[in-house]
PDB file of N, CA and C in Angstrom:
ATOM      1  N   UNK A   1       0.766  -1.425   0.176  1.00  0.00           N
ATOM      2  CA  UNK A   1       0.071  -0.079   0.074  1.00  0.00           C
ATOM      3  C   UNK A   1       0.951   1.474   0.104  1.00  0.00           C
ATOM      4  N   UNK A   2       0.773   2.309  -1.010  1.00  0.00           N
ATOM      5  CA  UNK A   2       1.316   2.866  -0.981  1.00  0.00           C
ATOM      6  C   UNK A   2       1.221   4.174   0.186  1.00  0.00           C
ATOM      7  N   UNK A   3       0.060   4.496   0.522  1.00  0.00           N
ATOM      8  CA  UNK A   3       0.107   5.086   1.630  1.00  0.00           C
ATOM      9  C   UNK A   3       0.407   4.581   2.865  1.00  0.00           C
ATOM     10  N   UNK A   4       0.552   3.833   3.127  1.00  0.00           N
ATOM     11  CA  UNK A   4       0.533   2.908   4.869  1.00  0.00           C
ATOM     12  C   UNK A   4       1.382   3.568   5.381  1.00  0.00           C
ATOM     13  N   UNK A   5       2.864   4.313   5.203  1.00  0.00           N
ATOM     14  CA  UNK A   5       4.102   4.956   5.456  1.00  0.00           C
ATOM     15  C   UNK A   5       2.296   6.441   6.227  1.00  0.00           C
ATOM     16  N   UNK A   6       2.049   6.633   5.892  1.00  0.00           N
ATOM     17  CA  UNK A   6       1.714   8.306   6.166  1.00  0.00           C
ATOM     18  C   UNK A   6       0.284   8.401   6.947  1.00  0.00           C
ATOM     19  N   UNK A   7      -0.101   7.008   6.497  1.00  0.00           N
ATOM     20  CA  UNK A   7      -1.395   6.266   7.693  1.00  0.00           C
ATOM     21  C   UNK A   7      -0.832   6.159   9.385  1.00  0.00           C
ATOM     22  N   UNK A   8       0.454   5.877   9.117  1.00  0.00           N
ATOM     23  CA  UNK A   8       1.007   4.756  10.620  1.00  0.00           C
ATOM     24  C   UNK A   8       1.443   6.165  10.851  1.00  0.00           C
ATOM     25  N   UNK A   9       2.149   7.359  10.491  1.00  0.00           N
ATOM     26  CA  UNK A   9       2.517   8.309  10.599  1.00  0.00           C
ATOM     27  C   UNK A   9       1.512   9.386  12.173  1.00  0.00           C
ATOM     28  N   UNK A  10       0.298   9.352  10.960  1.00  0.00           N
ATOM     29  CA  UNK A  10      -0.924  10.067  11.169  1.00  0.00           C
ATOM     30  C   UNK A  10      -1.440   9.313  12.945  1.00  0.00           C
ATOM     31  N   UNK A  11      -1.469   7.863  13.004  1.00  0.00           N
ATOM     32  CA  UNK A  11      -1.626   7.355  13.781  1.00  0.00           C
ATOM     33  C   UNK A  11      -0.430   7.724  14.899  1.00  0.00           C
ATOM     34  N   UNK A  12       0.626   7.958  14.757  1.00  0.00           N
ATOM     35  CA  UNK A  12       1.714   7.977  15.733  1.00  0.00           C
ATOM     36  C   UNK A  12       1.636   9.102  16.073  1.00  0.00           C
ATOM     37  N   UNK A  13       1.350   9.817  15.094  1.00  0.00           N
ATOM     38  CA  UNK A  13       1.130  11.369  15.810  1.00  0.00           C
ATOM     39  C   UNK A  13       0.220  11.977  16.568  1.00  0.00           C
ATOM     40  N   UNK A  14      -0.619  10.728  17.014  1.00  0.00           N
ATOM     41  CA  UNK A  14      -2.406  11.002  17.216  1.00  0.00           C
ATOM     42  C   UNK A  14      -3.136  12.015  16.412  1.00  0.00           C
ATOM     43  N   UNK A  15      -2.713  12.268  14.685  1.00  0.00           N
ATOM     44  CA  UNK A  15      -3.855  12.825  14.161  1.00  0.00           C
ATOM     45  C   UNK A  15      -5.134  12.060  13.533  1.00  0.00           C
ATOM     46  N   UNK A  16      -5.610  10.685  13.873  1.00  0.00           N
ATOM     47  CA  UNK A  16      -6.116  10.037  13.938  1.00  0.00           C
ATOM     48  C   UNK A  16      -6.200   8.546  14.885  1.00  0.00           C
ATOM     49  N   UNK A  17      -7.243   8.421  15.427  1.00  0.00           N
ATOM     50  CA  UNK A  17      -7.288   7.307  16.493  1.00  0.00           C
ATOM     51  C   UNK A  17      -7.392   5.739  15.787  1.00  0.00           C
ATOM     52  N   UNK A  18      -6.947   4.509  16.325  1.00  0.00           N
ATOM     53  CA  UNK A  18      -6.921   3.382  16.285  1.00  0.00           C
ATOM     54  C   UNK A  18      -8.181   2.933  15.755  1.00  0.00           C
ATOM     55  N   UNK A  19      -9.217   3.385  15.823  1.00  0.00           N
ATOM     56  CA  UNK A  19     -10.786   2.689  14.808  1.00  0.00           C
ATOM     57  C   UNK A  19     -10.337   3.221  13.813  1.00  0.00           C
ATOM     58  N   UNK A  20     -10.171   4.850  13.281  1.00  0.00           N
ATOM     59  CA  UNK A  20      -9.830   5.594  11.884  1.00  0.00           C
ATOM     60  C   UNK A  20      -8.448   4.775  11.376  1.00  0.00           C
ATOM     61  N   UNK A  21      -7.606   4.160  11.803  1.00  0.00           N
ATOM     62  CA  UNK A  21      -6.871   3.469  11.623  1.00  0.00           C
ATOM     63  C   UNK A  21      -7.161   2.566  10.791  1.00  0.00           C
ATOM     64  N   UNK A  22      -8.060   1.643  11.657  1.00  0.00           N
ATOM     65  CA  UNK A  22      -8.066   0.187  11.318  1.00  0.00           C
ATOM     66  C   UNK A  22      -9.021   0.656  10.426  1.00  0.00           C
ATOM     67  N   UNK A  23     -10.129   1.412  10.253  1.00  0.00           N
ATOM     68  CA  UNK A  23     -10.701   1.842   9.038  1.00  0.00           C
ATOM     69  C   UNK A  23     -10.077   1.723   7.318  1.00  0.00           C
ATOM     70  N   UNK A  24      -9.332   2.976   7.975  1.00  0.00           N
ATOM     71  CA  UNK A  24      -8.581   3.530   6.881  1.00  0.00           C
ATOM     72  C   UNK A  24      -8.073   2.257   5.885  1.00  0.00           C
ATOM     73  N   UNK A  25      -7.074   1.432   6.728  1.00  0.00           N
ATOM     74  CA  UNK A  25      -6.592  -0.514   6.627  1.00  0.00           C
ATOM     75  C   UNK A  25      -7.286  -1.034   5.840  1.00  0.00           C
ATOM     76  N   UNK A  26      -8.594  -0.897   6.282  1.00  0.00           N
ATOM     77  CA  UNK A  26      -9.567  -1.902   5.594  1.00  0.00           C
ATOM     78  C   UNK A  26      -9.905  -1.379   4.505  1.00  0.00           C
ATOM     79  N   UNK A  27     -10.781  -0.266   4.491  1.00  0.00           N
ATOM     80  CA  UNK A  27     -11.013   0.013   3.329  1.00  0.00           C
ATOM     81  C   UNK A  27      -9.497   0.541   1.828  1.00  0.00           C
ATOM     82  N   UNK A  28      -9.246   0.305   2.168  1.00  0.00           N
ATOM     83  CA  UNK A  28      -7.539   0.610   1.242  1.00  0.00           C
ATOM     84  C   UNK A  28      -7.059  -0.878   0.823  1.00  0.00           C
ATOM     85  N   UNK A  29      -7.164  -1.674   1.855  1.00  0.00           N
ATOM     86  CA  UNK A  29      -7.495  -3.235   1.086  1.00  0.00           C
ATOM     87  C   UNK A  29      -8.324  -3.734   0.636  1.00  0.00           C
ATOM     88  N   UNK A  30      -9.565  -3.253   0.507  1.00  0.00           N
ATOM     89  CA  UNK A  30     -10.627  -3.653   0.320  1.00  0.00           C
ATOM     90  C   UNK A  30     -10.799  -2.895  -1.570  1.00  0.00           C
ATOM     91  N   UNK A  31     -10.278  -1.962  -1.494  1.00  0.00           N
ATOM     92  CA  UNK A  31     -10.382  -1.004  -2.581  1.00  0.00           C
ATOM     93  C   UNK A  31      -8.652  -1.645  -3.752  1.00  0.00           C
ATOM     94  N   UNK A  32      -8.126  -2.136  -3.041  1.00  0.00           N
ATOM     95  CA  UNK A  32      -6.765  -2.675  -3.606  1.00  0.00           C
ATOM     96  C   UNK A  32      -6.948  -4.331  -4.034  1.00  0.00           C
ATOM     97  N   UNK A  33      -8.283  -4.701  -3.504  1.00  0.00           N
ATOM     98  CA  UNK A  33      -8.396  -6.139  -4.317  1.00  0.00           C
ATOM     99  C   UNK A  33      -9.947  -5.918  -5.052  1.00  0.00           C
ATOM    100  N   UNK A  34     -10.401  -5.236  -4.930  1.00  0.00           N
ATOM    101  CA  UNK A  34     -11.310  -4.434  -6.266  1.00  0.00           C
ATOM    102  C   UNK A  34     -10.766  -4.332  -7.587  1.00  0.00           C
ATOM    103  N   UNK A  35      -9.907  -3.697  -7.451  1.00  0.00           N
ATOM    104  CA  UNK A  35      -8.634  -3.127  -8.342  1.00  0.00           C
ATOM    105  C   UNK A  35      -8.536  -4.256  -8.728  1.00  0.00           C
ATOM    106  N   UNK A  36      -7.417  -5.360  -8.076  1.00  0.00           N
ATOM    107  CA  UNK A  36      -6.782  -6.598  -8.382  1.00  0.00           C
ATOM    108  C   UNK A  36      -7.772  -7.277  -9.687  1.00  0.00           C
ATOM    109  N   UNK A  37      -9.519  -7.261  -8.758  1.00  0.00           N
ATOM    110  CA  UNK A  37     -10.460  -8.260  -9.186  1.00  0.00           C
ATOM    111  C   UNK A  37     -10.884  -7.896 -10.830  1.00  0.00           C
ATOM    112  N   UNK A  38     -11.146  -6.566 -10.419  1.00  0.00           N
ATOM    113  CA  UNK A  38     -11.999  -5.956 -11.734  1.00  0.00           C
ATOM    114  C   UNK A  38     -12.025  -4.151 -11.917  1.00  0.00           C
ATOM    115  N   UNK A  39     -10.211  -4.289 -12.954  1.00  0.00           N
ATOM    116  CA  UNK A  39      -9.958  -2.752 -12.706  1.00  0.00           C
ATOM    117  C   UNK A  39     -10.963  -2.358 -14.116  1.00  0.00           C
ATOM    118  N   UNK A  40     -11.158  -2.885 -14.786  1.00  0.00           N
ATOM    119  CA  UNK A  40     -12.060  -2.296 -16.008  1.00  0.00           C
ATOM    120  C   UNK A  40     -13.326  -1.664 -15.171  1.00  0.00           C
ATOM    121  N   UNK A  41     -14.405  -2.223 -14.650  1.00  0.00           N
ATOM    122  CA  UNK A  41     -15.339  -2.222 -13.843  1.00  0.00           C
ATOM    123  C   UNK A  41     -14.861  -1.016 -12.952  1.00  0.00           C
ATOM    124  N   UNK A  42     -13.751  -0.445 -12.144  1.00  0.00           N
ATOM    125  CA  UNK A  42     -13.363   0.356 -11.517  1.00  0.00           C
ATOM    126  C   UNK A  42     -13.439   1.303 -12.143  1.00  0.00           C
ATOM    127  N   UNK A  43     -12.421   1.635 -12.887  1.00  0.00           N
ATOM    128  CA  UNK A  43     -12.148   2.571 -13.751  1.00  0.00           C
ATOM    129  C   UNK A  43     -13.447   3.421 -14.084  1.00  0.00           C
ATOM    130  N   UNK A  44     -14.895   2.059 -15.111  1.00  0.00           N
ATOM    131  CA  UNK A  44     -15.861   2.896 -15.102  1.00  0.00           C
ATOM    132  C   UNK A  44     -16.541   3.567 -13.961  1.00  0.00           C
ATOM    133  N   UNK A  45     -16.502   3.277 -12.675  1.00  0.00           N
ATOM    134  CA  UNK A  45     -16.751   3.847 -12.037  1.00  0.00           C
ATOM    135  C   UNK A  45     -16.156   5.042 -11.654  1.00  0.00           C
ATOM    136  N   UNK A  46     -14.765   4.681 -12.203  1.00  0.00           N
ATOM    137  CA  UNK A  46     -14.297   6.423 -11.703  1.00  0.00           C
ATOM    138  C   UNK A  46     -15.041   7.468 -12.532  1.00  0.00           C
ATOM    139  N   UNK A  47     -15.000   7.166 -14.091  1.00  0.00           N
ATOM    140  CA  UNK A  47     -15.303   7.578 -14.721  1.00  0.00           C
ATOM    141  C   UNK A  47     -16.903   8.926 -14.839  1.00  0.00           C
ATOM    142  N   UNK A  48     -17.359   7.480 -14.663  1.00  0.00           N
ATOM    143  CA  UNK A  48     -19.257   7.914 -14.237  1.00  0.00           C
ATOM    144  C   UNK A  48     -18.770   9.304 -13.353  1.00  0.00           C
ATOM    145  N   UNK A  49     -18.190   9.220 -12.090  1.00  0.00           N
ATOM    146  CA  UNK A  49     -18.075  10.350 -10.960  1.00  0.00           C
ATOM    147  C   UNK A  49     -17.604  11.260 -11.396  1.00  0.00           C
ATOM    148  N   UNK A  50     -16.612  10.500 -12.355  1.00  0.00           N
ATOM    149  CA  UNK A  50     -15.557  12.440 -12.926  1.00  0.00           C
ATOM    150  C   UNK A  50     -16.612  12.785 -14.171  1.00  0.00           C
ATOM    151  N   UNK A  51     -17.463  12.046 -14.883  1.00  0.00           N
ATOM    152  CA  UNK A  51     -18.337  13.207 -15.399  1.00  0.00           C
ATOM    153  C   UNK A  51     -19.395  13.696 -15.326  1.00  0.00           C
ATOM    154  N   UNK A  52     -19.985  13.001 -13.707  1.00  0.00           N
ATOM    155  CA  UNK A  52     -20.524  13.997 -12.726  1.00  0.00           C
ATOM    156  C   UNK A  52     -20.248  15.133 -12.590  1.00  0.00           C
ATOM    157  N   UNK A  53     -19.272  15.010 -11.872  1.00  0.00           N
ATOM    158  CA  UNK A  53     -18.119  16.074 -11.487  1.00  0.00           C
ATOM    159  C   UNK A  53     -17.923  17.539 -12.352  1.00  0.00           C
ATOM    160  N   UNK A  54     -17.530  16.457 -12.991  1.00  0.00           N
ATOM    161  CA  UNK A  54     -17.713  18.180 -14.508  1.00  0.00           C
ATOM    162  C   UNK A  54     -18.551  18.612 -14.880  1.00  0.00           C
ATOM    163  N   UNK A  55     -19.716  17.954 -14.777  1.00  0.00           N
ATOM    164  CA  UNK A  55     -21.097  18.403 -15.809  1.00  0.00           C
ATOM    165  C   UNK A  55     -21.605  19.430 -14.495  1.00  0.00           C
ATOM    166  N   UNK A  56     -21.081  19.266 -13.710  1.00  0.00           N
ATOM    167  CA  UNK A  56     -21.640  20.158 -12.690  1.00  0.00           C
ATOM    168  C   UNK A  56     -20.901  21.433 -12.741  1.00  0.00           C
ATOM    169  N   UNK A  57     -19.702  21.121 -12.403  1.00  0.00           N
ATOM    170  CA  UNK A  57     -18.483  22.296 -12.914  1.00  0.00           C
ATOM    171  C   UNK A  57     -18.986  22.738 -14.188  1.00  0.00           C
ATOM    172  N   UNK A  58     -19.219  22.569 -15.107  1.00  0.00           N
ATOM    173  CA  UNK A  58     -19.444  23.425 -16.310  1.00  0.00           C
ATOM    174  C   UNK A  58     -20.568  24.162 -16.346  1.00  0.00           C
ATOM    175  N   UNK A  59     -21.504  23.485 -15.655  1.00  0.00           N
ATOM    176  CA  UNK A  59     -22.957  24.166 -15.645  1.00  0.00           C
ATOM    177  C   UNK A  59     -23.160  25.552 -14.586  1.00  0.00           C
ATOM    178  N   UNK A  60     -21.644  25.788 -13.648  1.00  0.00           N
ATOM    179  CA  UNK A  60     -21.974  26.296 -12.549  1.00  0.00           C
ATOM    180  C   UNK A  60     -20.725  27.705 -13.509  1.00  0.00           C
ATOM    181  N   UNK A  61     -20.427  27.345 -14.497  1.00  0.00           N
ATOM    182  CA  UNK A  61     -19.624  28.296 -15.455  1.00  0.00           C
ATOM    183  C   UNK A  61     -19.858  28.845 -16.205  1.00  0.00           C
ATOM    184  N   UNK A  62     -20.743  28.189 -16.752  1.00  0.00           N
ATOM    185  CA  UNK A  62     -21.352  28.852 -17.711  1.00  0.00           C
ATOM    186  C   UNK A  62     -22.643  30.590 -17.413  1.00  0.00           C
ATOM    187  N   UNK A  63     -21.570  30.863 -18.331  1.00  0.00           N
ATOM    188  CA  UNK A  63     -23.113  32.207 -18.602  1.00  0.00           C
ATOM    189  C   UNK A  63     -24.004  32.031 -18.933  1.00  0.00           C
ATOM    190  N   UNK A  64     -25.427  32.928 -18.593  1.00  0.00           N
ATOM    191  CA  UNK A  64     -26.435  32.406 -18.965  1.00  0.00           C
ATOM    192  C   UNK A  64     -26.859  32.945 -20.384  1.00  0.00           C
ATOM    193  N   UNK A  65     -27.064  32.075 -21.359  1.00  0.00           N
ATOM    194  CA  UNK A  65     -27.455  32.909 -22.181  1.00  0.00           C
ATOM    195  C   UNK A  65     -28.938  33.589 -22.807  1.00  0.00           C
ATOM    196  N   UNK A  66     -30.022  33.242 -22.248  1.00  0.00           N
ATOM    197  CA  UNK A  66     -30.929  34.049 -21.985  1.00  0.00           C
ATOM    198  C   UNK A  66     -30.816  34.869 -20.970  1.00  0.00           C
ATOM    199  N   UNK A  67     -30.915  36.262 -21.040  1.00  0.00           N
ATOM    200  CA  UNK A  67     -31.679  37.049 -19.769  1.00  0.00           C
ATOM    201  C   UNK A  67     -32.798  37.446 -20.104  1.00  0.00           C
ATOM    202  N   UNK A  68     -33.198  37.390 -18.586  1.00  0.00           N
ATOM    203  CA  UNK A  68     -34.832  37.618 -18.487  1.00  0.00           C
ATOM    204  C   UNK A  68     -34.914  39.675 -18.531  1.00  0.00           C
ATOM    205  N   UNK A  69     -36.038  40.175 -18.756  1.00  0.00           N
ATOM    206  CA  UNK A  69     -35.758  41.498 -19.209  1.00  0.00           C
ATOM    207  C   UNK A  69     -35.480  42.341 -17.933  1.00  0.00           C
ATOM    208  N   UNK A  70     -35.103  41.580 -16.623  1.00  0.00           N
ATOM    209  CA  UNK A  70     -35.193  42.720 -15.479  1.00  0.00           C
ATOM    210  C   UNK A  70     -33.194  42.422 -15.410  1.00  0.00           C
ATOM    211  N   UNK A  71     -32.968  41.298 -15.763  1.00  0.00           N
ATOM    212  CA  UNK A  71     -30.835  41.460 -15.857  1.00  0.00           C
ATOM    213  C   UNK A  71     -30.491  42.389 -16.961  1.00  0.00           C
ATOM    214  N   UNK A  72     -31.718  42.486 -18.202  1.00  0.00           N
ATOM    215  CA  UNK A  72     -30.920  43.061 -19.310  1.00  0.00           C
ATOM    216  C   UNK A  72     -31.188  45.041 -18.473  1.00  0.00           C
ATOM    217  N   UNK A  73     -32.286  45.278 -17.784  1.00  0.00           N
ATOM    218  CA  UNK A  73     -32.522  46.352 -17.427  1.00  0.00           C
ATOM    219  C   UNK A  73     -31.541  46.617 -16.797  1.00  0.00           C
ATOM    220  N   UNK A  74     -30.607  46.335 -16.703  1.00  0.00           N
ATOM    221  CA  UNK A  74     -29.541  46.581 -15.356  1.00  0.00           C
ATOM    222  C   UNK A  74     -28.603  46.743 -15.844  1.00  0.00           C
ATOM    223  N   UNK A  75     -28.345  46.488 -16.885  1.00  0.00           N
ATOM    224  CA  UNK A  75     -27.249  46.634 -17.694  1.00  0.00           C
ATOM    225  C   UNK A  75     -27.497  47.831 -18.951  1.00  0.00           C
ATOM    226  N   UNK A  76     -29.048  48.993 -18.657  1.00  0.00           N
ATOM    227  CA  UNK A  76     -28.824  50.210 -19.636  1.00  0.00           C
ATOM    228  C   UNK A  76     -28.868  50.986 -18.798  1.00  0.00           C
ATOM    229  N   UNK A  77     -27.645  52.100 -19.104  1.00  0.00           N
ATOM    230  CA  UNK A  77     -27.233  52.724 -18.234  1.00  0.00           C
ATOM    231  C   UNK A  77     -27.925  54.478 -18.097  1.00  0.00           C
ATOM    232  N   UNK A  78     -29.132  54.643 -16.804  1.00  0.00           N
ATOM    233  CA  UNK A  78     -29.800  55.769 -17.065  1.00  0.00           C
ATOM    234  C   UNK A  78     -28.720  57.193 -18.168  1.00  0.00           C
ATOM    235  N   UNK A  79     -29.684  57.637 -19.055  1.00  0.00           N
ATOM    236  CA  UNK A  79     -29.345  58.791 -19.458  1.00  0.00           C
ATOM    237  C   UNK A  79     -28.593  60.390 -18.929  1.00  0.00           C
ATOM    238  N   UNK A  80     -27.210  60.564 -18.660  1.00  0.00           N
ATOM    239  CA  UNK A  80     -26.698  61.708 -18.084  1.00  0.00           C
ATOM    240  C   UNK A  80     -27.231  62.914 -18.763  1.00  0.00           C
ATOM    241  N   UNK A  81     -27.330  63.344 -17.565  1.00  0.00           N
ATOM    242  CA  UNK A  81     -27.723  64.775 -17.352  1.00  0.00           C
ATOM    243  C   UNK A  81     -27.049  65.735 -18.117  1.00  0.00           C
ATOM    244  N   UNK A  82     -27.391  66.642 -18.634  1.00  0.00           N
ATOM    245  CA  UNK A  82     -26.194  67.383 -19.606  1.00  0.00           C
ATOM    246  C   UNK A  82     -26.344  68.841 -18.756  1.00  0.00           C
ATOM    247  N   UNK A  83     -25.684  68.992 -17.834  1.00  0.00           N
ATOM    248  CA  UNK A  83     -25.501  70.051 -17.236  1.00  0.00           C
ATOM    249  C   UNK A  83     -25.227  71.984 -17.826  1.00  0.00           C
ATOM    250  N   UNK A  84     -24.426  72.020 -19.222  1.00  0.00           N
ATOM    251  CA  UNK A  84     -24.144  72.667 -19.980  1.00  0.00           C
ATOM    252  C   UNK A  84     -25.025  73.098 -20.608  1.00  0.00           C
ATOM    253  N   UNK A  85     -25.823  72.358 -21.203  1.00  0.00           N
ATOM    254  CA  UNK A  85     -26.956  72.332 -22.596  1.00  0.00           C
ATOM    255  C   UNK A  85     -27.831  73.103 -21.491  1.00  0.00           C
ATOM    256  N   UNK A  86     -27.912  72.945 -20.341  1.00  0.00           N
ATOM    257  CA  UNK A  86     -29.216  73.349 -19.527  1.00  0.00           C
ATOM    258  C   UNK A  86     -28.859  74.702 -19.111  1.00  0.00           C
ATOM    259  N   UNK A  87     -27.702  74.419 -18.793  1.00  0.00           N
ATOM    260  CA  UNK A  87     -26.930  76.380 -18.517  1.00  0.00           C
ATOM    261  C   UNK A  87     -27.262  77.071 -19.633  1.00  0.00           C
ATOM    262  N   UNK A  88     -27.007  76.836 -20.361  1.00  0.00           N
ATOM    263  CA  UNK A  88     -26.740  77.211 -22.063  1.00  0.00           C
ATOM    264  C   UNK A  88     -28.166  78.048 -21.911  1.00  0.00           C
ATOM    265  N   UNK A  89     -29.147  77.109 -22.039  1.00  0.00           N
ATOM    266  CA  UNK A  89     -30.544  77.743 -22.267  1.00  0.00           C
ATOM    267  C   UNK A  89     -31.316  78.364 -20.672  1.00  0.00           C
ATOM    268  N   UNK A  90     -30.703  78.214 -19.806  1.00  0.00           N
ATOM    269  CA  UNK A  90     -30.912  79.493 -18.726  1.00  0.00           C
ATOM    270  C   UNK A  90     -30.611  80.831 -19.220  1.00  0.00           C
ATOM    271  N   UNK A  91     -29.180  80.724 -19.380  1.00  0.00           N
ATOM    272  CA  UNK A  91     -28.671  82.454 -20.201  1.00  0.00           C
ATOM    273  C   UNK A  91     -29.262  82.998 -20.891  1.00  0.00           C
ATOM    274  N   UNK A  92     -29.806  82.363 -21.845  1.00  0.00           N
ATOM    275  CA  UNK A  92     -30.573  82.486 -23.069  1.00  0.00           C
ATOM    276  C   UNK A  92     -31.863  83.309 -22.438  1.00  0.00           C
ATOM    277  N   UNK A  93     -32.472  82.841 -21.507  1.00  0.00           N
ATOM    278  CA  UNK A  93     -33.601  83.534 -21.684  1.00  0.00           C
ATOM    279  C   UNK A  93     -33.964  85.024 -19.898  1.00  0.00           C
TER     280      UNK A  93
END
């Protein structure tokens, strides 16, 4: 197991309990056995999860294409009041 040293260090430095160590060790061995018995099946499961996560991430980062009227109205800037033109009209009067 690749991470066995890290797992042992976490136990010895009291970052995890003996129970957590045992659970992690058992799960790691189960995964290794499943990989050995059915690598293609395991790969399919991984790719299924990857594609689900990736699709969700793409959906979040997409910009909405159909904006509502309210969203469009927020983009329109109000007309600027032209003081000089108004000021010139007042001088004429």
